[in-house]
C-alpha atoms as a PDB file:
ATOM      1  CA  UNK A   1     164.597 100.243  89.519  1.00  0.00           C
ATOM      2  CA  UNK A   2     164.082 102.498  92.531  1.00  0.00           C
ATOM      3  CA  UNK A   3     163.236 101.189  95.982  1.00  0.00           C
ATOM      4  CA  UNK A   4     160.366 102.949  97.728  1.00  0.00           C
ATOM      5  CA  UNK A   5     159.867 102.224 101.426  1.00  0.00           C
ATOM      6  CA  UNK A   6     156.613 100.564 102.297  1.00  0.00           C
ATOM      7  CA  UNK A   7     155.611 103.415 104.578  1.00  0.00           C
ATOM      8  CA  UNK A   8     155.347 105.658 101.518  1.00  0.00           C
ATOM      9  CA  UNK A   9     153.033 103.309  99.642  1.00  0.00           C
ATOM     10  CA  UNK A  10     149.452 104.512  99.612  1.00  0.00           C
ATOM     11  CA  UNK A  11     148.173 101.071  98.646  1.00  0.00           C
ATOM     12  CA  UNK A  12     149.578  97.647  97.839  1.00  0.00           C
ATOM     13  CA  UNK A  13     150.715  97.214  94.244  1.00  0.00           C
ATOM     14  CA  UNK A  14     150.963  94.117  92.078  1.00  0.00           C
ATOM     15  CA  UNK A  15     154.625  93.461  92.983  1.00  0.00           C
ATOM     16  CA  UNK A  16     153.926  93.317  96.720  1.00  0.00           C
ATOM     17  CA  UNK A  17     151.968  90.071  96.469  1.00  0.00           C
ATOM     18  CA  UNK A  18     153.274  86.627  95.675  1.00  0.00           C
ATOM     19  CA  UNK A  19     151.464  84.902  92.811  1.00  0.00           C
ATOM     20  CA  UNK A  20     148.968  82.311  93.950  1.00  0.00           C
ATOM     21  CA  UNK A  21     148.841  80.388  90.717  1.00  0.00           C
ATOM     22  CA  UNK A  22     145.963  79.875  88.349  1.00  0.00           C
ATOM     23  CA  UNK A  23     142.689  79.536  90.312  1.00  0.00           C
ATOM     24  CA  UNK A  24     140.708  76.355  89.986  1.00  0.00           C
ATOM     25  CA  UNK A  25     137.615  76.574  87.800  1.00  0.00           C
ATOM     26  CA  UNK A  26     134.464  76.574  89.892  1.00  0.00           C
ATOM     27  CA  UNK A  27     131.491  74.490  88.941  1.00  0.00           C
ATOM     28  CA  UNK A  28     128.406  76.093  87.449  1.00  0.00           C
ATOM     29  CA  UNK A  29     126.350  75.485  90.562  1.00  0.00           C
ATOM     30  CA  UNK A  30     128.892  77.311  92.707  1.00  0.00           C
ATOM     31  CA  UNK A  31     128.943  80.197  90.244  1.00  0.00           C
ATOM     32  CA  UNK A  32     125.182  80.551  90.419  1.00  0.00           C
ATOM     33  CA  UNK A  33     125.150  80.189  94.186  1.00  0.00           C
ATOM     34  CA  UNK A  34     127.673  82.981  94.630  1.00  0.00           C
ATOM     35  CA  UNK A  35     125.779  85.052  92.087  1.00  0.00           C
ATOM     36  CA  UNK A  36     122.571  84.641  94.076  1.00  0.00           C
ATOM     37  CA  UNK A  37     124.352  85.723  97.251  1.00  0.00           C
ATOM     38  CA  UNK A  38     125.677  88.838  95.548  1.00  0.00           C
ATOM     39  CA  UNK A  39     122.292  89.674  94.055  1.00  0.00           C
ATOM     40  CA  UNK A  40     120.554  89.220  97.392  1.00  0.00           C
ATOM     41  CA  UNK A  41     123.087  91.511  99.045  1.00  0.00           C
ATOM     42  CA  UNK A  42     122.659  94.170  96.364  1.00  0.00           C
ATOM     43  CA  UNK A  43     118.886  94.040  96.538  1.00  0.00           C
ATOM     44  CA  UNK A  44     118.497  94.048 100.303  1.00  0.00           C
ATOM     45  CA  UNK A  45     121.405  96.075 101.741  1.00  0.00           C
ATOM     46  CA  UNK A  46     119.753  99.538 101.551  1.00  0.00           C
ATOM     47  CA  UNK A  47     116.580  98.120 103.068  1.00  0.00           C
ATOM     48  CA  UNK A  48     118.352  97.343 106.343  1.00  0.00           C
ATOM     49  CA  UNK A  49     118.572 101.052 107.191  1.00  0.00           C
ATOM     50  CA  UNK A  50     115.162 101.965 105.731  1.00  0.00           C
ATOM     51  CA  UNK A  51     112.373 100.472 107.864  1.00  0.00           C
ATOM     52  CA  UNK A  52     109.512 100.994 105.392  1.00  0.00           C
ATOM     53  CA  UNK A  53     111.302  99.091 102.603  1.00  0.00           C
ATOM     54  CA  UNK A  54     110.999  95.335 102.433  1.00  0.00           C
ATOM     55  CA  UNK A  55     113.969  93.393 101.119  1.00  0.00           C
ATOM     56  CA  UNK A  56     113.434  92.023  97.618  1.00  0.00           C
ATOM     57  CA  UNK A  57     114.791  88.523  98.106  1.00  0.00           C
ATOM     58  CA  UNK A  58     115.410  85.848  95.506  1.00  0.00           C
ATOM     59  CA  UNK A  59     112.435  83.890  96.858  1.00  0.00           C
ATOM     60  CA  UNK A  60     110.120  86.830  96.231  1.00  0.00           C
ATOM     61  CA  UNK A  61     111.530  87.250  92.729  1.00  0.00           C
ATOM     62  CA  UNK A  62     110.988  83.537  92.048  1.00  0.00           C
ATOM     63  CA  UNK A  63     107.369  83.624  93.220  1.00  0.00           C
ATOM     64  CA  UNK A  64     106.593  86.760  91.222  1.00  0.00           C
ATOM     65  CA  UNK A  65     108.296  85.331  88.140  1.00  0.00           C
ATOM     66  CA  UNK A  66     106.168  82.197  88.335  1.00  0.00           C
ATOM     67  CA  UNK A  67     102.932  84.189  88.393  1.00  0.00           C
ATOM     68  CA  UNK A  68     103.813  87.110  86.095  1.00  0.00           C
ATOM     69  CA  UNK A  69     106.496  85.907  83.678  1.00  0.00           C
ATOM     70  CA  UNK A  70     105.526  82.258  83.382  1.00  0.00           C
ATOM     71  CA  UNK A  71     105.014  82.527  79.603  1.00  0.00           C
ATOM     72  CA  UNK A  72     108.409  84.166  79.151  1.00  0.00           C
ATOM     73  CA  UNK A  73     110.049  81.430  81.192  1.00  0.00           C
ATOM     74  CA  UNK A  74     108.517  78.753  78.988  1.00  0.00           C
ATOM     75  CA  UNK A  75     109.559  80.598  75.821  1.00  0.00           C
ATOM     76  CA  UNK A  76     113.152  80.904  77.017  1.00  0.00           C
ATOM     77  CA  UNK A  77     113.369  77.228  77.944  1.00  0.00           C
ATOM     78  CA  UNK A  78     111.692  76.100  74.706  1.00  0.00           C
ATOM     79  CA  UNK A  79     113.480  78.609  72.501  1.00  0.00           C
ATOM     80  CA  UNK A  80     112.363  82.124  71.648  1.00  0.00           C
ATOM     81  CA  UNK A  81     110.768  82.640  68.216  1.00  0.00           C
ATOM     82  CA  UNK A  82     112.949  84.130  65.456  1.00  0.00           C
ATOM     83  CA  UNK A  83     110.629  87.084  64.863  1.00  0.00           C
ATOM     84  CA  UNK A  84     109.402  89.734  67.260  1.00  0.00           C
ATOM     85  CA  UNK A  85     105.924  89.499  65.727  1.00  0.00           C
ATOM     86  CA  UNK A  86     105.674  85.914  66.979  1.00  0.00           C
ATOM     87  CA  UNK A  87     106.120  87.019  70.590  1.00  0.00           C
ATOM     88  CA  UNK A  88     103.051  87.523  72.812  1.00  0.00           C
ATOM     89  CA  UNK A  89     101.949  91.139  73.076  1.00  0.00           C
ATOM     90  CA  UNK A  90     103.081  91.565  76.654  1.00  0.00           C
ATOM     91  CA  UNK A  91     106.512  90.050  76.030  1.00  0.00           C
ATOM     92  CA  UNK A  92     107.622  91.697  72.783  1.00  0.00           C
ATOM     93  CA  UNK A  93     109.845  94.129  74.674  1.00  0.00           C
ATOM     94  CA  UNK A  94     112.059  91.197  75.690  1.00  0.00           C
ATOM     95  CA  UNK A  95     112.758  90.076  72.119  1.00  0.00           C
ATOM     96  CA  UNK A  96     115.803  92.263  71.513  1.00  0.00           C
ATOM     97  CA  UNK A  97     117.432  90.752  74.600  1.00  0.00           C
ATOM     98  CA  UNK A  98     116.670  87.150  73.593  1.00  0.00           C
ATOM     99  CA  UNK A  99     120.308  86.147  73.035  1.00  0.00           C
ATOM    100  CA  UNK A 100     121.192  86.909  76.666  1.00  0.00           C
ATOM    101  CA  UNK A 101     118.106  85.556  78.441  1.00  0.00           C
ATOM    102  CA  UNK A 102     118.214  82.333  80.438  1.00  0.00           C
ATOM    103  CA  UNK A 103     116.510  80.744  83.428  1.00  0.00           C
ATOM    104  CA  UNK A 104     117.867  79.376  86.680  1.00  0.00           C
ATOM    105  CA  UNK A 105     115.708  77.676  89.283  1.00  0.00           C
ATOM    106  CA  UNK A 106     112.589  79.604  88.331  1.00  0.00           C
ATOM    107  CA  UNK A 107     114.333  82.983  87.942  1.00  0.00           C
ATOM    108  CA  UNK A 108     114.895  84.685  84.598  1.00  0.00           C
ATOM    109  CA  UNK A 109     118.427  85.966  84.077  1.00  0.00           C
ATOM    110  CA  UNK A 110     119.699  88.599  81.651  1.00  0.00           C
ATOM    111  CA  UNK A 111     123.402  87.809  81.343  1.00  0.00           C
ATOM    112  CA  UNK A 112     124.368  87.730  85.036  1.00  0.00           C
ATOM    113  CA  UNK A 113     121.554  90.023  86.178  1.00  0.00           C
ATOM    114  CA  UNK A 114     118.186  89.087  87.659  1.00  0.00           C
ATOM    115  CA  UNK A 115     115.139  90.057  85.587  1.00  0.00           C
ATOM    116  CA  UNK A 116     112.795  91.697  88.087  1.00  0.00           C
ATOM    117  CA  UNK A 117     109.059  90.996  87.549  1.00  0.00           C
ATOM    118  CA  UNK A 118     106.772  94.032  87.098  1.00  0.00           C
ATOM    119  CA  UNK A 119     105.182  93.827  90.555  1.00  0.00           C
ATOM    120  CA  UNK A 120     108.555  94.204  92.297  1.00  0.00           C
ATOM    121  CA  UNK A 121     110.077  96.925  90.151  1.00  0.00           C
ATOM    122  CA  UNK A 122     108.684  99.810  92.176  1.00  0.00           C
ATOM    123  CA  UNK A 123     110.131  98.322  95.356  1.00  0.00           C
ATOM    124  CA  UNK A 124     113.483  97.765  93.672  1.00  0.00           C
ATOM    125  CA  UNK A 125     113.555 101.363  92.438  1.00  0.00           C
ATOM    126  CA  UNK A 126     112.745 102.595  95.941  1.00  0.00           C
ATOM    127  CA  UNK A 127     115.576 100.471  97.290  1.00  0.00           C
ATOM    128  CA  UNK A 128     117.987 101.821  94.687  1.00  0.00           C
ATOM    129  CA  UNK A 129     116.994 105.366  95.570  1.00  0.00           C
ATOM    130  CA  UNK A 130     116.921 104.846  99.333  1.00  0.00           C
ATOM    131  CA  UNK A 131     120.138 106.871  99.738  1.00  0.00           C
ATOM    132  CA  UNK A 132     118.911 109.539  97.280  1.00  0.00           C
ATOM    133  CA  UNK A 133     121.720 108.853  94.866  1.00  0.00           C
ATOM    134  CA  UNK A 134     121.858 110.333  91.394  1.00  0.00           C
ATOM    135  CA  UNK A 135     120.997 108.650  88.116  1.00  0.00           C
ATOM    136  CA  UNK A 136     124.582 107.593  87.401  1.00  0.00           C
ATOM    137  CA  UNK A 137     125.089 105.916  90.772  1.00  0.00           C
ATOM    138  CA  UNK A 138     121.745 104.115  90.642  1.00  0.00           C
ATOM    139  CA  UNK A 139     122.376 102.945  87.083  1.00  0.00           C
ATOM    140  CA  UNK A 140     125.834 101.635  87.978  1.00  0.00           C
ATOM    141  CA  UNK A 141     124.395  99.721  90.915  1.00  0.00           C
ATOM    142  CA  UNK A 142     121.553  98.283  88.851  1.00  0.00           C
ATOM    143  CA  UNK A 143     123.902  97.139  86.088  1.00  0.00           C
ATOM    144  CA  UNK A 144     125.612  94.779  88.519  1.00  0.00           C
ATOM    145  CA  UNK A 145     122.556  92.850  89.640  1.00  0.00           C
ATOM    146  CA  UNK A 146     119.107  93.637  88.215  1.00  0.00           C
ATOM    147  CA  UNK A 147     117.435  94.232  84.863  1.00  0.00           C
ATOM    148  CA  UNK A 148     114.145  94.770  83.067  1.00  0.00           C
ATOM    149  CA  UNK A 149     113.313  96.462  79.760  1.00  0.00           C
ATOM    150  CA  UNK A 150     113.316 100.235  80.214  1.00  0.00           C
ATOM    151  CA  UNK A 151     115.108 100.202  83.556  1.00  0.00           C
ATOM    152  CA  UNK A 152     117.250 103.233  82.658  1.00  0.00           C
ATOM    153  CA  UNK A 153     114.195 105.356  81.887  1.00  0.00           C
ATOM    154  CA  UNK A 154     112.543 104.232  85.116  1.00  0.00           C
ATOM    155  CA  UNK A 155     115.653 105.188  87.094  1.00  0.00           C
ATOM    156  CA  UNK A 156     115.749 108.606  85.464  1.00  0.00           C
ATOM    157  CA  UNK A 157     112.061 109.145  86.221  1.00  0.00           C
ATOM    158  CA  UNK A 158     112.571 108.073  89.833  1.00  0.00           C
ATOM    159  CA  UNK A 159     115.364 110.611  90.239  1.00  0.00           C
ATOM    160  CA  UNK A 160     113.536 113.461  88.471  1.00  0.00           C
ATOM    161  CA  UNK A 161     110.346 112.925  90.495  1.00  0.00           C
ATOM    162  CA  UNK A 162     112.123 112.972  93.873  1.00  0.00           C
ATOM    163  CA  UNK A 163     111.357 116.322  95.497  1.00  0.00           C
ATOM    164  CA  UNK A 164     114.105 115.850  98.102  1.00  0.00           C
ATOM    165  CA  UNK A 165     116.763 115.366  95.410  1.00  0.00           C
ATOM    166  CA  UNK A 166     115.454 118.251  93.334  1.00  0.00           C
ATOM    167  CA  UNK A 167     115.526 120.528  96.355  1.00  0.00           C
ATOM    168  CA  UNK A 168     119.088 119.612  97.354  1.00  0.00           C
ATOM    169  CA  UNK A 169     120.583 119.201  93.881  1.00  0.00           C
ATOM    170  CA  UNK A 170     123.447 121.615  93.161  1.00  0.00           C
ATOM    171  CA  UNK A 171     122.584 124.340  90.702  1.00  0.00           C
ATOM    172  CA  UNK A 172     124.163 127.539  89.479  1.00  0.00           C
ATOM    173  CA  UNK A 173     122.132 130.610  90.441  1.00  0.00           C
ATOM    174  CA  UNK A 174     120.945 132.892  87.698  1.00  0.00           C
ATOM    175  CA  UNK A 175     123.038 135.992  87.179  1.00  0.00           C
ATOM    176  CA  UNK A 176     121.363 139.197  88.337  1.00  0.00           C
ATOM    177  CA  UNK A 177     119.819 141.180  85.488  1.00  0.00           C
ATOM    178  CA  UNK A 178     121.905 144.031  84.136  1.00  0.00           C
ATOM    179  CA  UNK A 179     119.965 147.289  84.310  1.00  0.00           C
ATOM    180  CA  UNK A 180     119.589 149.116  80.996  1.00  0.00           C
ATOM    181  CA  UNK A 181     120.799 152.668  80.563  1.00  0.00           C
ATOM    182  CA  UNK A 182     117.996 155.184  80.293  1.00  0.00           C
ATOM    183  CA  UNK A 183     118.193 157.197  77.045  1.00  0.00           C
ATOM    184  CA  UNK A 184     118.542 160.981  77.265  1.00  0.00           C
ATOM    185  CA  UNK A 185     117.092 161.867  73.854  1.00  0.00           C
ATOM    186  CA  UNK A 186     115.028 160.210  71.077  1.00  0.00           C
ATOM    187  CA  UNK A 187     116.730 157.500  69.040  1.00  0.00           C
ATOM    188  CA  UNK A 188     119.743 157.392  71.334  1.00  0.00           C
ATOM    189  CA  UNK A 189     119.046 153.748  72.173  1.00  0.00           C
ATOM    190  CA  UNK A 190     117.243 151.347  69.842  1.00  0.00           C
ATOM    191  CA  UNK A 191     115.930 147.803  70.153  1.00  0.00           C
ATOM    192  CA  UNK A 192     115.522 145.616  67.063  1.00  0.00           C
ATOM    193  CA  UNK A 193     114.348 142.101  66.334  1.00  0.00           C
ATOM    194  CA  UNK A 194     112.839 139.891  63.643  1.00  0.00           C
ATOM    195  CA  UNK A 195     109.501 138.149  64.040  1.00  0.00           C
ATOM    196  CA  UNK A 196     107.323 135.871  61.940  1.00  0.00           C
ATOM    197  CA  UNK A 197     103.596 136.440  61.429  1.00  0.00           C
ATOM    198  CA  UNK A 198     101.244 134.664  59.013  1.00  0.00           C
ATOM    199  CA  UNK A 199     103.960 133.444  56.693  1.00  0.00           C
ATOM    200  CA  UNK A 200     105.949 136.685  56.517  1.00  0.00           C
ATOM    201  CA  UNK A 201     109.028 137.995  58.305  1.00  0.00           C
ATOM    202  CA  UNK A 202     109.108 141.468  59.796  1.00  0.00           C
ATOM    203  CA  UNK A 203     111.723 143.743  61.280  1.00  0.00           C
ATOM    204  CA  UNK A 204     110.715 145.883  64.243  1.00  0.00           C
ATOM    205  CA  UNK A 205     112.856 148.752  65.546  1.00  0.00           C
ATOM    206  CA  UNK A 206     111.757 150.563  68.717  1.00  0.00           C
ATOM    207  CA  UNK A 207     113.109 153.811  70.113  1.00  0.00           C
ATOM    208  CA  UNK A 208     113.596 153.268  73.836  1.00  0.00           C
ATOM    209  CA  UNK A 209     113.110 156.956  74.648  1.00  0.00           C
ATOM    210  CA  UNK A 210     109.672 157.400  73.081  1.00  0.00           C
ATOM    211  CA  UNK A 211     108.739 153.715  72.507  1.00  0.00           C
ATOM    212  CA  UNK A 212     108.126 154.654  68.864  1.00  0.00           C
ATOM    213  CA  UNK A 213     107.951 151.459  66.781  1.00  0.00           C
ATOM    214  CA  UNK A 214     109.121 151.034  63.197  1.00  0.00           C
ATOM    215  CA  UNK A 215     107.854 147.825  61.557  1.00  0.00           C
ATOM    216  CA  UNK A 216     109.037 146.810  58.099  1.00  0.00           C
ATOM    217  CA  UNK A 217     108.223 143.652  56.210  1.00  0.00           C
ATOM    218  CA  UNK A 218     111.370 141.657  55.466  1.00  0.00           C
ATOM    219  CA  UNK A 219     112.085 138.642  53.356  1.00  0.00           C
ATOM    220  CA  UNK A 220     113.665 135.676  55.063  1.00  0.00           C
ATOM    221  CA  UNK A 221     117.400 135.365  54.808  1.00  0.00           C
ATOM    222  CA  UNK A 222     119.882 137.976  53.675  1.00  0.00           C
ATOM    223  CA  UNK A 223     117.189 140.334  52.385  1.00  0.00           C
ATOM    224  CA  UNK A 224     115.915 140.802  55.930  1.00  0.00           C
ATOM    225  CA  UNK A 225     119.402 141.722  57.038  1.00  0.00           C
ATOM    226  CA  UNK A 226     119.813 144.244  54.217  1.00  0.00           C
ATOM    227  CA  UNK A 227     116.497 145.838  55.146  1.00  0.00           C
ATOM    228  CA  UNK A 228     117.733 146.017  58.716  1.00  0.00           C
ATOM    229  CA  UNK A 229     120.743 148.063  57.632  1.00  0.00           C
ATOM    230  CA  UNK A 230     118.714 150.210  55.240  1.00  0.00           C
ATOM    231  CA  UNK A 231     116.364 151.145  58.083  1.00  0.00           C
ATOM    232  CA  UNK A 232     119.273 152.293  60.213  1.00  0.00           C
ATOM    233  CA  UNK A 233     120.775 154.247  57.302  1.00  0.00           C
ATOM    234  CA  UNK A 234     117.394 155.918  56.746  1.00  0.00           C
ATOM    235  CA  UNK A 235     117.305 156.934  60.384  1.00  0.00           C
ATOM    236  CA  UNK A 236     120.783 158.412  60.027  1.00  0.00           C
ATOM    237  CA  UNK A 237     119.703 160.464  57.009  1.00  0.00           C
ATOM    238  CA  UNK A 238     116.799 161.784  59.078  1.00  0.00           C
ATOM    239  CA  UNK A 239     119.338 162.956  61.684  1.00  0.00           C
ATOM    240  CA  UNK A 240     118.354 160.227  64.114  1.00  0.00           C
ATOM    241  CA  UNK A 241     121.612 158.886  65.446  1.00  0.00           C
ATOM    242  CA  UNK A 242     121.285 155.846  67.705  1.00  0.00           C
ATOM    243  CA  UNK A 243     124.191 155.530  70.117  1.00  0.00           C
ATOM    244  CA  UNK A 244     123.370 151.899  70.889  1.00  0.00           C
ATOM    245  CA  UNK A 245     121.216 149.250  69.300  1.00  0.00           C
ATOM    246  CA  UNK A 246     119.933 146.258  71.267  1.00  0.00           C
ATOM    247  CA  UNK A 247     119.281 143.190  69.114  1.00  0.00           C
ATOM    248  CA  UNK A 248     117.695 139.932  70.262  1.00  0.00           C
ATOM    249  CA  UNK A 249     120.458 137.278  70.484  1.00  0.00           C
ATOM    250  CA  UNK A 250     118.263 134.650  68.795  1.00  0.00           C
ATOM    251  CA  UNK A 251     115.581 135.143  66.146  1.00  0.00           C
ATOM    252  CA  UNK A 252     112.221 133.465  66.641  1.00  0.00           C
ATOM    253  CA  UNK A 253     112.711 131.174  63.674  1.00  0.00           C
ATOM    254  CA  UNK A 254     116.217 129.795  63.186  1.00  0.00           C
ATOM    255  CA  UNK A 255     117.054 128.374  59.798  1.00  0.00           C
ATOM    256  CA  UNK A 256     120.027 128.380  57.438  1.00  0.00           C
ATOM    257  CA  UNK A 257     119.050 131.675  55.851  1.00  0.00           C
ATOM    258  CA  UNK A 258     118.765 133.369  59.234  1.00  0.00           C
ATOM    259  CA  UNK A 259     122.197 132.080  60.222  1.00  0.00           C
ATOM    260  CA  UNK A 260     123.623 133.749  57.117  1.00  0.00           C
ATOM    261  CA  UNK A 261     121.603 136.853  57.948  1.00  0.00           C
ATOM    262  CA  UNK A 262     123.039 137.079  61.430  1.00  0.00           C
ATOM    263  CA  UNK A 263     126.550 136.925  59.986  1.00  0.00           C
ATOM    264  CA  UNK A 264     125.694 139.804  57.662  1.00  0.00           C
ATOM    265  CA  UNK A 265     124.095 141.692  60.541  1.00  0.00           C
ATOM    266  CA  UNK A 266     127.301 141.439  62.563  1.00  0.00           C
ATOM    267  CA  UNK A 267     129.279 142.726  59.589  1.00  0.00           C
ATOM    268  CA  UNK A 268     126.776 145.523  59.085  1.00  0.00           C
ATOM    269  CA  UNK A 269     126.903 146.543  62.724  1.00  0.00           C
ATOM    270  CA  UNK A 270     130.627 147.152  62.480  1.00  0.00           C
ATOM    271  CA  UNK A 271     130.088 149.245  59.357  1.00  0.00           C
ATOM    272  CA  UNK A 272     127.307 151.250  60.975  1.00  0.00           C
ATOM    273  CA  UNK A 273     129.470 151.932  64.016  1.00  0.00           C
ATOM    274  CA  UNK A 274     132.150 153.342  61.733  1.00  0.00           C
ATOM    275  CA  UNK A 275     129.542 155.537  60.028  1.00  0.00           C
ATOM    276  CA  UNK A 276     128.290 156.828  63.359  1.00  0.00           C
ATOM    277  CA  UNK A 277     131.794 157.554  64.591  1.00  0.00           C
ATOM    278  CA  UNK A 278     132.597 159.722  61.539  1.00  0.00           C
END
């Protein structure tokens, strides 16, 4: 064991505190009372610095629950039906959470979180996003106090629709385009790609000097790759020697056969380069 002076401690550790013994178990009413205080603090704290936002208090949640979720409250207290089809149309989205739903003094609870009625959800989302936090921070805050079906999607939509956040969000700038080398003679530089038209695959090769196109029908898969190489070999026999060939990095239609084709194309390119170098 090594002694470390207290001045070097960044924070208190477990050994620097005397044990206080096992805490007494609090009654259920005290648990709920403290829970309500925490929920009220979570719901209203950002509103204190945002004048146009009204604090969503527990009393407002209780009143809205009575008028909007009265049927759900009665179902929870009487026992939710065993089948989702037996739920009312407007409450079916709550069925998969039925094992964790309860009521307390007119407020519906999901585990230890307050179920916010529909009329207050927009205000709650505005409160969550008052500091223009990201989706992760807002979700973490919501998971400690509030709930409704689809809350994660609503938080994501709130963040994505905020013009201020989108304007200030960090992003990597696009790399500047690399200028292409201008060819000095015909068939010095070629561009090639596959495309699909009316159920058939085609190979197009274009000479960048004259913009002369060569279009050949190709079968999907390895046959298209072979035709690609045969076209280049034909050009070589005609004394047309491309120094470089630009190929689209991704074909229009990606399937298993094209993946195999691209592997063969890469192999063929290396062979063609050796032919051109001889």
